[in-house]
Amino acid sequence: MQRSVMFLCPTCGAKYRMTRMEALDEPTRPIACIACDGALPGREGEFFLKYFLIERPKRAHAAPLQAS
């Protein structure tokens, strides 16, 4: 069973297409937002969550860049 829904990163607002897939008995590793490195949920009940970046956040809402 697969379902696809829109998802916004709670940290920076990046837009993702999130898909739920039936989980096996394997542990999940942490998932991070591509745009800001914020934590995204990796599992929802009996489903693994997979994210596909659709749109990066606008610069004003993105995480601040670190100075070199």
N, C-alpha and C. Protein backbone atom coordinates (compact mmCIF):
# COMPACT_ATOMS: atom_id res chain seq x y z
N MET A 1 0.84 -1.19 0.00
CA MET A 1 0.00 0.00 0.00
C MET A 1 0.88 1.24 0.00
N GLN A 2 0.63 2.14 -0.91
CA GLN A 2 1.37 3.39 -0.96
C GLN A 2 0.40 4.55 -1.04
N ARG A 3 0.71 5.61 -0.30
CA ARG A 3 -0.05 6.85 -0.37
C ARG A 3 0.95 7.97 -0.50
N SER A 4 0.60 8.95 -1.28
CA SER A 4 1.48 10.09 -1.49
C SER A 4 0.74 11.36 -1.09
N VAL A 5 1.36 12.17 -0.23
CA VAL A 5 0.75 13.42 0.23
C VAL A 5 1.81 14.51 0.24
N MET A 6 1.36 15.76 0.24
CA MET A 6 2.29 16.88 0.36
C MET A 6 2.70 17.01 1.82
N PHE A 7 3.94 17.42 2.05
CA PHE A 7 4.48 17.58 3.39
C PHE A 7 5.39 18.79 3.39
N LEU A 8 5.29 19.63 4.42
CA LEU A 8 6.17 20.78 4.57
C LEU A 8 7.13 20.52 5.72
N CYS A 9 8.42 20.78 5.51
CA CYS A 9 9.39 20.66 6.58
C CYS A 9 8.97 21.62 7.70
N PRO A 10 8.86 21.14 8.94
CA PRO A 10 8.45 22.02 10.03
C PRO A 10 9.50 23.07 10.39
N THR A 11 10.73 22.89 9.96
CA THR A 11 11.81 23.83 10.28
C THR A 11 11.92 24.95 9.26
N CYS A 12 11.93 24.61 7.96
CA CYS A 12 12.19 25.64 6.94
C CYS A 12 11.07 25.81 5.92
N GLY A 13 10.11 24.90 5.87
CA GLY A 13 9.00 25.03 4.94
C GLY A 13 9.25 24.43 3.57
N ALA A 14 10.34 23.68 3.39
CA ALA A 14 10.58 23.02 2.10
C ALA A 14 9.41 22.09 1.80
N LYS A 15 9.01 22.03 0.51
CA LYS A 15 7.88 21.19 0.11
C LYS A 15 8.38 19.82 -0.34
N TYR A 16 7.75 18.79 0.19
CA TYR A 16 8.07 17.41 -0.16
C TYR A 16 6.82 16.67 -0.58
N ARG A 17 7.00 15.66 -1.38
CA ARG A 17 5.97 14.67 -1.65
C ARG A 17 6.36 13.51 -0.75
N MET A 18 5.49 13.13 0.18
CA MET A 18 5.80 12.07 1.14
C MET A 18 5.01 10.82 0.76
N THR A 19 5.70 9.69 0.74
CA THR A 19 5.08 8.42 0.40
C THR A 19 5.19 7.48 1.58
N ARG A 20 4.11 6.78 1.89
CA ARG A 20 4.12 5.77 2.94
C ARG A 20 4.25 4.41 2.30
N MET A 21 5.15 3.58 2.85
CA MET A 21 5.34 2.22 2.36
C MET A 21 5.28 1.27 3.54
N GLU A 22 4.73 0.10 3.31
CA GLU A 22 4.65 -0.88 4.39
C GLU A 22 6.03 -1.15 4.94
N ALA A 23 6.14 -1.13 6.25
CA ALA A 23 7.43 -1.31 6.92
C ALA A 23 7.69 -2.79 7.16
N LEU A 24 8.96 -3.12 7.14
CA LEU A 24 9.41 -4.44 7.55
C LEU A 24 9.82 -4.33 9.01
N ASP A 25 10.35 -5.36 9.59
CA ASP A 25 10.77 -5.33 10.99
C ASP A 25 12.17 -4.78 11.14
N GLU A 26 12.55 -3.84 10.30
CA GLU A 26 13.88 -3.24 10.36
C GLU A 26 13.79 -1.87 11.03
N PRO A 27 14.79 -1.51 11.83
CA PRO A 27 14.78 -0.17 12.42
C PRO A 27 15.00 0.89 11.34
N THR A 28 14.51 2.09 11.59
CA THR A 28 14.70 3.18 10.64
C THR A 28 15.79 4.11 11.14
N ARG A 29 16.48 4.72 10.21
CA ARG A 29 17.51 5.70 10.58
C ARG A 29 16.90 7.09 10.50
N PRO A 30 17.48 8.06 11.19
CA PRO A 30 16.93 9.42 11.14
C PRO A 30 16.93 9.98 9.71
N ILE A 31 15.92 10.79 9.40
CA ILE A 31 15.82 11.42 8.09
C ILE A 31 15.94 12.92 8.30
N ALA A 32 16.74 13.57 7.45
CA ALA A 32 16.96 15.01 7.57
C ALA A 32 16.48 15.73 6.32
N CYS A 33 15.97 16.94 6.50
CA CYS A 33 15.55 17.80 5.39
C CYS A 33 16.78 18.15 4.55
N ILE A 34 16.64 18.09 3.24
CA ILE A 34 17.74 18.42 2.33
C ILE A 34 18.09 19.90 2.41
N ALA A 35 17.09 20.75 2.63
CA ALA A 35 17.31 22.19 2.63
C ALA A 35 17.92 22.73 3.92
N CYS A 36 17.50 22.20 5.08
CA CYS A 36 17.94 22.80 6.35
C CYS A 36 18.53 21.80 7.33
N ASP A 37 18.53 20.53 7.00
CA ASP A 37 19.05 19.46 7.87
C ASP A 37 18.18 19.24 9.11
N GLY A 38 16.96 19.76 9.10
CA GLY A 38 16.02 19.54 10.21
C GLY A 38 15.50 18.11 10.18
N ALA A 39 15.09 17.61 11.32
CA ALA A 39 14.61 16.24 11.45
C ALA A 39 13.23 16.07 10.82
N LEU A 40 13.05 14.99 10.06
CA LEU A 40 11.77 14.61 9.48
C LEU A 40 11.39 13.24 10.04
N PRO A 41 10.11 12.98 10.25
CA PRO A 41 9.70 11.67 10.76
C PRO A 41 10.09 10.56 9.78
N GLY A 42 10.57 9.44 10.30
CA GLY A 42 10.97 8.33 9.45
C GLY A 42 9.97 7.20 9.42
N ARG A 43 9.04 7.22 10.35
CA ARG A 43 8.07 6.14 10.44
C ARG A 43 6.75 6.67 10.97
N GLU A 44 5.68 6.09 10.49
CA GLU A 44 4.34 6.43 10.97
C GLU A 44 3.59 5.12 11.17
N GLY A 45 3.50 4.69 12.42
CA GLY A 45 2.84 3.42 12.71
C GLY A 45 3.54 2.27 12.02
N GLU A 46 2.82 1.57 11.17
CA GLU A 46 3.39 0.43 10.47
C GLU A 46 3.99 0.79 9.11
N PHE A 47 4.17 2.08 8.84
CA PHE A 47 4.68 2.53 7.55
C PHE A 47 6.01 3.27 7.68
N PHE A 48 6.92 3.03 6.70
CA PHE A 48 8.11 3.84 6.52
C PHE A 48 7.69 5.06 5.72
N LEU A 49 8.35 6.20 5.95
CA LEU A 49 8.05 7.41 5.21
C LEU A 49 9.24 7.76 4.32
N LYS A 50 8.96 8.07 3.07
CA LYS A 50 10.00 8.45 2.11
C LYS A 50 9.62 9.81 1.55
N TYR A 51 10.63 10.70 1.44
CA TYR A 51 10.39 12.08 1.03
C TYR A 51 11.06 12.38 -0.29
N PHE A 52 10.35 13.13 -1.15
CA PHE A 52 10.89 13.59 -2.42
C PHE A 52 10.76 15.11 -2.43
N LEU A 53 11.89 15.82 -2.49
CA LEU A 53 11.88 17.28 -2.48
C LEU A 53 11.21 17.81 -3.73
N ILE A 54 10.21 18.66 -3.54
CA ILE A 54 9.47 19.28 -4.64
C ILE A 54 9.94 20.71 -4.84
N GLU A 55 10.10 21.45 -3.74
CA GLU A 55 10.48 22.86 -3.83
C GLU A 55 11.25 23.27 -2.58
N ARG A 56 12.41 23.89 -2.81
CA ARG A 56 13.19 24.42 -1.68
C ARG A 56 12.48 25.65 -1.12
N PRO A 57 12.70 25.96 0.15
CA PRO A 57 12.04 27.13 0.74
C PRO A 57 12.60 28.42 0.16
N LYS A 58 11.81 29.48 0.27
CA LYS A 58 12.30 30.80 -0.12
C LYS A 58 13.44 31.17 0.80
N ARG A 59 14.40 31.92 0.34
CA ARG A 59 15.61 32.26 1.12
C ARG A 59 15.26 32.88 2.47
N ALA A 60 14.22 33.70 2.54
CA ALA A 60 13.84 34.36 3.79
C ALA A 60 13.42 33.36 4.86
N HIS A 61 12.92 32.18 4.45
CA HIS A 61 12.45 31.19 5.40
C HIS A 61 13.47 30.07 5.62
N ALA A 62 14.50 30.02 4.82
CA ALA A 62 15.50 28.97 4.93
C ALA A 62 16.36 29.16 6.17
N ALA A 63 16.98 28.09 6.59
CA ALA A 63 17.88 28.17 7.73
C ALA A 63 19.04 29.08 7.39
N PRO A 64 19.53 29.89 8.32
CA PRO A 64 20.64 30.81 8.02
C PRO A 64 21.91 30.05 7.67
N LEU A 65 22.66 30.60 6.73
CA LEU A 65 23.94 30.00 6.34
C LEU A 65 24.98 30.29 7.40
N GLN A 66 25.86 29.34 7.62
CA GLN A 66 26.93 29.54 8.58
C GLN A 66 28.11 30.24 7.90
N ALA A 67 28.71 31.20 8.60
CA ALA A 67 29.87 31.91 8.05
C ALA A 67 31.07 30.99 8.04
N SER A 68 31.91 31.14 7.03
CA SER A 68 33.12 30.32 6.91
C SER A 68 34.26 30.91 7.70
